[in-house]
Amino acid sequence: MALDSFLLDLLEDPVDHGTLIYIDSKNVLYNPRLRVAYEVRDSIPVLLPDESRPVSDEEHLAFTQDPTGRTTGQQ
């Protein structure tokens, strides 16, 4: 289930407070600056730094080029 647009407008990275990229097909929120991904479980973003995971170069490229990716924050 996709995250609500209102919620996406409010989300930011808990570490650098910048925007994230929501990749619905992978169920993750991605920070391309820090190259970490946060899981979305049952439509709930898990934005805990200890729960994030590093992203490989291949995943970074896939996440940043995904046409369905949506940037969080006020648009």
N, C-alpha and C. Protein backbone atom coordinates (compact mmCIF):
# COMPACT_ATOMS: atom_id res chain seq x y z
N MET A 1 0.85 -1.18 0.00
CA MET A 1 0.00 0.00 0.00
C MET A 1 0.89 1.24 0.00
N ALA A 2 0.62 2.18 -0.88
CA ALA A 2 1.40 3.40 -1.00
C ALA A 2 1.18 4.33 0.19
N LEU A 3 2.19 5.11 0.47
CA LEU A 3 2.07 6.10 1.54
C LEU A 3 1.20 7.26 1.09
N ASP A 4 0.50 7.83 2.02
CA ASP A 4 -0.38 8.96 1.78
C ASP A 4 0.42 10.20 1.34
N SER A 5 -0.08 10.95 0.38
CA SER A 5 0.60 12.16 -0.11
C SER A 5 0.81 13.19 0.99
N PHE A 6 -0.16 13.33 1.88
CA PHE A 6 -0.02 14.28 2.99
C PHE A 6 1.16 13.90 3.88
N LEU A 7 1.28 12.61 4.17
CA LEU A 7 2.40 12.13 4.98
C LEU A 7 3.73 12.36 4.27
N LEU A 8 3.77 12.07 2.98
CA LEU A 8 5.01 12.27 2.22
C LEU A 8 5.46 13.73 2.23
N ASP A 9 4.50 14.64 2.24
CA ASP A 9 4.84 16.07 2.29
C ASP A 9 5.52 16.45 3.60
N LEU A 10 5.30 15.67 4.65
CA LEU A 10 5.85 15.98 5.97
C LEU A 10 7.19 15.30 6.27
N LEU A 11 7.47 14.20 5.58
CA LEU A 11 8.64 13.40 5.93
C LEU A 11 9.96 14.04 5.53
N GLU A 12 10.95 13.84 6.39
CA GLU A 12 12.33 14.25 6.10
C GLU A 12 13.25 13.24 6.77
N ASP A 13 14.50 13.23 6.34
CA ASP A 13 15.47 12.31 6.92
C ASP A 13 15.76 12.70 8.37
N PRO A 14 15.79 11.73 9.29
CA PRO A 14 16.01 12.07 10.70
C PRO A 14 17.45 12.48 11.00
N VAL A 15 18.38 12.20 10.10
CA VAL A 15 19.79 12.52 10.35
C VAL A 15 20.16 13.88 9.78
N ASP A 16 19.94 14.07 8.47
CA ASP A 16 20.35 15.35 7.85
C ASP A 16 19.17 16.29 7.58
N HIS A 17 17.97 15.86 7.91
CA HIS A 17 16.74 16.67 7.79
C HIS A 17 16.45 17.13 6.36
N GLY A 18 16.97 16.38 5.40
CA GLY A 18 16.71 16.68 4.00
C GLY A 18 15.58 15.82 3.45
N THR A 19 15.29 16.00 2.18
CA THR A 19 14.23 15.24 1.52
C THR A 19 14.65 13.79 1.32
N LEU A 20 13.67 12.95 1.11
CA LEU A 20 13.86 11.54 0.81
C LEU A 20 13.19 11.23 -0.52
N ILE A 21 13.51 10.09 -1.08
CA ILE A 21 12.82 9.60 -2.27
C ILE A 21 12.03 8.38 -1.84
N TYR A 22 10.72 8.42 -2.06
CA TYR A 22 9.87 7.28 -1.74
C TYR A 22 9.76 6.40 -2.98
N ILE A 23 10.22 5.15 -2.85
CA ILE A 23 10.13 4.18 -3.93
C ILE A 23 9.06 3.17 -3.54
N ASP A 24 7.86 3.37 -4.05
CA ASP A 24 6.71 2.54 -3.68
C ASP A 24 6.93 1.08 -4.04
N SER A 25 7.51 0.81 -5.20
CA SER A 25 7.68 -0.58 -5.64
C SER A 25 8.64 -1.35 -4.74
N LYS A 26 9.55 -0.66 -4.08
CA LYS A 26 10.51 -1.31 -3.18
C LYS A 26 10.14 -1.12 -1.71
N ASN A 27 9.13 -0.31 -1.45
CA ASN A 27 8.66 -0.05 -0.09
C ASN A 27 9.77 0.54 0.79
N VAL A 28 10.48 1.52 0.23
CA VAL A 28 11.56 2.18 0.98
C VAL A 28 11.50 3.69 0.79
N LEU A 29 12.08 4.37 1.76
CA LEU A 29 12.38 5.79 1.66
C LEU A 29 13.89 5.87 1.57
N TYR A 30 14.40 6.59 0.58
CA TYR A 30 15.83 6.60 0.29
C TYR A 30 16.42 7.99 0.42
N ASN A 31 17.55 8.09 1.11
CA ASN A 31 18.30 9.34 1.20
C ASN A 31 19.52 9.20 0.30
N PRO A 32 19.51 9.86 -0.88
CA PRO A 32 20.63 9.73 -1.81
C PRO A 32 21.90 10.43 -1.33
N ARG A 33 21.78 11.39 -0.43
CA ARG A 33 22.96 12.09 0.07
C ARG A 33 23.78 11.20 1.01
N LEU A 34 23.09 10.46 1.86
CA LEU A 34 23.76 9.57 2.81
C LEU A 34 23.81 8.13 2.33
N ARG A 35 23.08 7.86 1.24
CA ARG A 35 22.99 6.52 0.65
C ARG A 35 22.51 5.48 1.67
N VAL A 36 21.40 5.82 2.31
CA VAL A 36 20.76 4.88 3.24
C VAL A 36 19.28 4.76 2.87
N ALA A 37 18.73 3.58 3.14
CA ALA A 37 17.32 3.32 2.87
C ALA A 37 16.62 3.00 4.19
N TYR A 38 15.41 3.49 4.30
CA TYR A 38 14.56 3.23 5.45
C TYR A 38 13.37 2.39 4.98
N GLU A 39 13.09 1.33 5.69
CA GLU A 39 12.00 0.44 5.32
C GLU A 39 10.64 1.07 5.66
N VAL A 40 9.64 0.70 4.88
CA VAL A 40 8.26 1.07 5.17
C VAL A 40 7.55 -0.24 5.49
N ARG A 41 7.08 -0.36 6.73
CA ARG A 41 6.41 -1.60 7.18
C ARG A 41 4.93 -1.33 7.43
N ASP A 42 4.08 -2.05 6.74
CA ASP A 42 2.63 -1.90 6.90
C ASP A 42 2.21 -0.44 6.77
N SER A 43 2.76 0.24 5.77
CA SER A 43 2.47 1.65 5.48
C SER A 43 2.96 2.60 6.58
N ILE A 44 3.92 2.15 7.38
CA ILE A 44 4.50 3.00 8.42
C ILE A 44 6.00 3.15 8.14
N PRO A 45 6.46 4.38 7.87
CA PRO A 45 7.89 4.59 7.64
C PRO A 45 8.68 4.37 8.93
N VAL A 46 9.72 3.57 8.85
CA VAL A 46 10.58 3.31 10.00
C VAL A 46 11.83 4.20 9.84
N LEU A 47 11.72 5.43 10.32
CA LEU A 47 12.77 6.42 10.14
C LEU A 47 13.69 6.48 11.36
N LEU A 48 14.20 5.34 11.74
CA LEU A 48 15.15 5.26 12.84
C LEU A 48 16.54 5.03 12.26
N PRO A 49 17.51 5.88 12.60
CA PRO A 49 18.85 5.71 12.03
C PRO A 49 19.42 4.31 12.25
N ASP A 50 19.16 3.71 13.39
CA ASP A 50 19.67 2.36 13.66
C ASP A 50 19.00 1.28 12.81
N GLU A 51 17.84 1.59 12.26
CA GLU A 51 17.11 0.64 11.42
C GLU A 51 17.39 0.83 9.93
N SER A 52 18.12 1.89 9.58
CA SER A 52 18.42 2.14 8.16
C SER A 52 19.46 1.13 7.68
N ARG A 53 19.56 1.03 6.35
CA ARG A 53 20.56 0.13 5.78
C ARG A 53 21.33 0.85 4.68
N PRO A 54 22.61 0.51 4.54
CA PRO A 54 23.39 1.13 3.46
C PRO A 54 22.91 0.63 2.10
N VAL A 55 23.12 1.45 1.09
CA VAL A 55 22.66 1.14 -0.26
C VAL A 55 23.88 1.01 -1.19
N SER A 56 23.88 -0.03 -1.99
CA SER A 56 24.97 -0.27 -2.94
C SER A 56 24.90 0.74 -4.10
N ASP A 57 25.96 0.80 -4.87
CA ASP A 57 25.98 1.68 -6.04
C ASP A 57 24.87 1.33 -7.02
N GLU A 58 24.62 0.03 -7.21
CA GLU A 58 23.58 -0.42 -8.14
C GLU A 58 22.19 0.00 -7.65
N GLU A 59 21.95 -0.16 -6.34
CA GLU A 59 20.66 0.26 -5.79
C GLU A 59 20.50 1.77 -5.86
N HIS A 60 21.57 2.50 -5.59
CA HIS A 60 21.53 3.97 -5.66
C HIS A 60 21.08 4.40 -7.05
N LEU A 61 21.68 3.83 -8.05
CA LEU A 61 21.33 4.16 -9.43
C LEU A 61 19.88 3.80 -9.72
N ALA A 62 19.46 2.62 -9.29
CA ALA A 62 18.08 2.19 -9.52
C ALA A 62 17.09 3.10 -8.80
N PHE A 63 17.37 3.45 -7.55
CA PHE A 63 16.47 4.30 -6.77
C PHE A 63 16.37 5.71 -7.37
N THR A 64 17.49 6.28 -7.75
CA THR A 64 17.48 7.65 -8.26
C THR A 64 16.91 7.75 -9.67
N GLN A 65 16.89 6.65 -10.40
CA GLN A 65 16.35 6.67 -11.76
C GLN A 65 14.96 6.06 -11.86
N ASP A 66 14.41 5.61 -10.75
CA ASP A 66 13.08 5.00 -10.77
C ASP A 66 12.04 6.06 -11.13
N PRO A 67 11.30 5.86 -12.22
CA PRO A 67 10.32 6.86 -12.64
C PRO A 67 9.14 7.02 -11.68
N THR A 68 8.94 6.05 -10.81
CA THR A 68 7.84 6.15 -9.86
C THR A 68 8.27 6.78 -8.54
N GLY A 69 9.55 7.08 -8.39
CA GLY A 69 10.05 7.68 -7.15
C GLY A 69 9.43 9.05 -6.93
N ARG A 70 9.12 9.36 -5.68
CA ARG A 70 8.52 10.65 -5.35
C ARG A 70 9.33 11.27 -4.21
N THR A 71 9.71 12.51 -4.39
CA THR A 71 10.47 13.22 -3.38
C THR A 71 9.55 13.67 -2.26
N THR A 72 10.00 13.51 -1.03
CA THR A 72 9.21 13.93 0.11
C THR A 72 9.40 15.43 0.33
N GLY A 73 8.62 15.96 1.24
CA GLY A 73 8.69 17.40 1.55
C GLY A 73 7.65 18.17 0.78
N GLN A 74 7.47 19.41 1.17
CA GLN A 74 6.48 20.27 0.51
C GLN A 74 6.85 20.46 -0.94
N GLN A 75 5.90 20.24 -1.81
CA GLN A 75 6.13 20.37 -3.27
C GLN A 75 5.62 21.71 -3.76
